C-alpha cells in the first residue's frame, strides 16, 4: 500500500472522528495514530528504543 493511500485513510479516519465524535474524539484518534506510527517504526527497525530518550547533544550524525 502506498504512503499516499495510508495518508488518505488516516485523514478520513480523523475526519470521521471529528465529525461524529467532536474535537475530543479527533484528538484521541490523532494521539493513538501517533502512538501506532511510532510503534510501527520500532517494529520495522527504523527506530531504536534509545532514540526517543536521548538529549539533542547525544545524537550523532547518522549519514555516515
N, C-alpha and C. Protein backbone atom coordinates (compact mmCIF):
# COMPACT_ATOMS: atom_id res chain seq x y z
N UNK A 1 0.85 -1.16 0.00
CA UNK A 1 0.00 0.00 0.00
C UNK A 1 0.91 1.24 0.00
N UNK A 2 0.60 2.19 -0.84
CA UNK A 2 1.43 3.39 -0.95
C UNK A 2 1.21 4.31 0.25
N UNK A 3 2.19 5.17 0.49
CA UNK A 3 2.09 6.10 1.61
C UNK A 3 0.96 7.11 1.38
N UNK A 4 0.67 7.44 0.12
CA UNK A 4 -0.44 8.33 -0.17
C UNK A 4 -1.77 7.71 0.26
N UNK A 5 -1.92 6.41 0.01
CA UNK A 5 -3.14 5.71 0.40
C UNK A 5 -3.26 5.63 1.92
N UNK A 6 -2.16 5.37 2.59
CA UNK A 6 -2.18 5.32 4.06
C UNK A 6 -2.54 6.69 4.62
N UNK A 7 -1.97 7.76 4.06
CA UNK A 7 -2.29 9.11 4.50
C UNK A 7 -3.75 9.46 4.27
N UNK A 8 -4.29 9.03 3.14
CA UNK A 8 -5.69 9.30 2.84
C UNK A 8 -6.60 8.58 3.85
N UNK A 9 -6.29 7.34 4.16
CA UNK A 9 -7.09 6.57 5.12
C UNK A 9 -7.01 7.21 6.50
N UNK A 10 -5.81 7.62 6.90
CA UNK A 10 -5.66 8.27 8.20
C UNK A 10 -6.44 9.59 8.24
N UNK A 11 -6.38 10.36 7.17
CA UNK A 11 -7.14 11.61 7.12
C UNK A 11 -8.63 11.39 7.17
N UNK A 12 -9.10 10.36 6.50
CA UNK A 12 -10.53 10.05 6.54
C UNK A 12 -10.95 9.62 7.94
N UNK A 13 -10.12 8.82 8.60
CA UNK A 13 -10.44 8.39 9.97
C UNK A 13 -10.52 9.59 10.91
N UNK A 14 -9.57 10.52 10.78
CA UNK A 14 -9.61 11.73 11.61
C UNK A 14 -10.82 12.59 11.28
N UNK A 15 -11.17 12.67 10.01
CA UNK A 15 -12.34 13.43 9.61
C UNK A 15 -13.63 12.86 10.19
N UNK A 16 -13.78 11.54 10.11
CA UNK A 16 -14.97 10.90 10.67
C UNK A 16 -15.02 11.08 12.18
N UNK A 17 -13.87 10.94 12.84
CA UNK A 17 -13.85 11.11 14.30
C UNK A 17 -14.23 12.54 14.67
N UNK A 18 -13.71 13.50 13.94
CA UNK A 18 -14.04 14.89 14.24
C UNK A 18 -15.50 15.22 13.96
N UNK A 19 -16.04 14.67 12.89
CA UNK A 19 -17.42 14.98 12.51
C UNK A 19 -18.43 14.32 13.46
N UNK A 20 -18.22 13.03 13.71
CA UNK A 20 -19.20 12.29 14.50
C UNK A 20 -18.94 12.34 16.00
N UNK A 21 -17.69 12.49 16.40
CA UNK A 21 -17.39 12.42 17.83
C UNK A 21 -16.99 13.74 18.45
N UNK A 22 -16.76 14.75 17.64
CA UNK A 22 -16.36 16.03 18.18
C UNK A 22 -14.84 16.14 18.28
N UNK A 23 -14.42 17.27 18.84
CA UNK A 23 -12.99 17.57 18.89
C UNK A 23 -12.23 16.61 19.80
N UNK A 24 -12.84 16.17 20.89
CA UNK A 24 -12.19 15.21 21.81
C UNK A 24 -11.88 13.90 21.11
N UNK A 25 -12.82 13.41 20.32
CA UNK A 25 -12.59 12.17 19.58
C UNK A 25 -11.51 12.36 18.53
N UNK A 26 -11.50 13.54 17.89
CA UNK A 26 -10.47 13.85 16.91
C UNK A 26 -9.08 13.78 17.56
N UNK A 27 -8.93 14.40 18.73
CA UNK A 27 -7.64 14.37 19.42
C UNK A 27 -7.25 12.96 19.85
N UNK A 28 -8.21 12.17 20.31
CA UNK A 28 -7.93 10.80 20.73
C UNK A 28 -7.46 9.97 19.55
N UNK A 29 -8.12 10.08 18.42
CA UNK A 29 -7.73 9.32 17.23
C UNK A 29 -6.35 9.77 16.74
N UNK A 30 -6.08 11.07 16.77
CA UNK A 30 -4.78 11.58 16.35
C UNK A 30 -3.67 11.09 17.27
N UNK A 31 -3.90 11.11 18.59
CA UNK A 31 -2.89 10.65 19.54
C UNK A 31 -2.63 9.15 19.40
N UNK A 32 -3.68 8.37 19.26
CA UNK A 32 -3.49 6.92 19.09
C UNK A 32 -2.83 6.60 17.75
N UNK A 33 -3.12 7.39 16.74
CA UNK A 33 -2.45 7.21 15.46
C UNK A 33 -0.96 7.48 15.58
N UNK A 34 -0.59 8.51 16.33
CA UNK A 34 0.83 8.82 16.53
C UNK A 34 1.53 7.70 17.30
N UNK A 35 0.88 7.16 18.31
CA UNK A 35 1.45 6.04 19.07
C UNK A 35 1.62 4.83 18.16
N UNK A 36 0.64 4.55 17.33
CA UNK A 36 0.73 3.43 16.40
C UNK A 36 1.84 3.63 15.38
N UNK A 37 2.02 4.86 14.93
CA UNK A 37 3.09 5.16 13.98
C UNK A 37 4.45 4.89 14.59
N UNK A 38 4.67 5.36 15.81
CA UNK A 38 5.95 5.15 16.48
C UNK A 38 6.17 3.66 16.75
N UNK A 39 5.13 2.96 17.16
CA UNK A 39 5.26 1.52 17.40
C UNK A 39 5.61 0.78 16.11
N UNK A 40 5.00 1.19 15.01
CA UNK A 40 5.31 0.57 13.72
C UNK A 40 6.74 0.82 13.30
N UNK A 41 7.24 2.03 13.55
CA UNK A 41 8.64 2.34 13.21
C UNK A 41 9.60 1.49 14.04
N UNK A 42 9.26 1.25 15.33
CA UNK A 42 10.08 0.37 16.16
C UNK A 42 10.08 -1.05 15.60
N UNK A 43 8.91 -1.55 15.23
CA UNK A 43 8.81 -2.92 14.74
C UNK A 43 9.51 -3.10 13.40
N UNK A 44 9.54 -2.07 12.57
CA UNK A 44 10.25 -2.15 11.29
C UNK A 44 11.75 -2.00 11.45
N UNK A 45 12.19 -1.54 12.62
CA UNK A 45 13.62 -1.37 12.86
C UNK A 45 14.15 0.00 12.47
N UNK A 46 13.27 0.95 12.14
CA UNK A 46 13.70 2.29 11.77
C UNK A 46 14.09 3.13 12.98
N UNK A 47 13.57 2.78 14.14
CA UNK A 47 13.88 3.50 15.38
C UNK A 47 14.45 2.51 16.39
N UNK A 48 15.35 3.00 17.21
CA UNK A 48 15.88 2.22 18.31
C UNK A 48 15.23 2.75 19.59
N UNK A 49 15.10 1.91 20.63
CA UNK A 49 14.43 2.37 21.85
C UNK A 49 15.06 3.62 22.46
N UNK A 50 16.36 3.78 22.36
CA UNK A 50 17.01 4.94 22.95
C UNK A 50 16.87 6.21 22.14
N UNK A 51 16.39 6.14 20.91
CA UNK A 51 16.29 7.31 20.05
C UNK A 51 15.34 8.37 20.61
N UNK A 52 14.32 7.96 21.33
CA UNK A 52 13.35 8.91 21.86
C UNK A 52 13.77 9.51 23.18
N UNK A 53 14.77 8.94 23.84
CA UNK A 53 15.12 9.37 25.19
C UNK A 53 16.47 10.07 25.28
N UNK A 54 17.21 10.17 24.19
CA UNK A 54 18.49 10.87 24.20
C UNK A 54 18.27 12.36 24.09
N UNK A 55 19.19 13.11 24.69
CA UNK A 55 19.12 14.56 24.53
C UNK A 55 19.68 14.93 23.16
N UNK A 56 19.44 16.15 22.73
CA UNK A 56 19.89 16.58 21.40
C UNK A 56 21.40 16.53 21.28
N UNK A 57 22.11 16.79 22.35
CA UNK A 57 23.57 16.79 22.31
C UNK A 57 24.16 15.40 22.15
N UNK A 58 23.42 14.37 22.52
CA UNK A 58 23.92 13.00 22.44
C UNK A 58 23.72 12.37 21.08
N UNK A 59 22.91 12.95 20.24
CA UNK A 59 22.63 12.35 18.94
C UNK A 59 23.81 12.55 18.01
N UNK A 60 24.15 11.50 17.31
CA UNK A 60 25.24 11.55 16.36
C UNK A 60 24.69 11.61 14.95
N UNK A 61 25.46 12.15 14.05
CA UNK A 61 25.05 12.24 12.65
C UNK A 61 25.04 10.83 12.07
N UNK A 62 23.89 10.38 11.55
CA UNK A 62 23.77 9.02 11.05
C UNK A 62 24.09 8.90 9.57
N UNK A 63 24.44 9.99 8.93
CA UNK A 63 24.67 9.93 7.49
C UNK A 63 25.96 9.23 7.12
N UNK A 64 26.80 8.98 8.05
CA UNK A 64 27.97 8.22 7.67
C UNK A 64 29.20 8.71 8.27
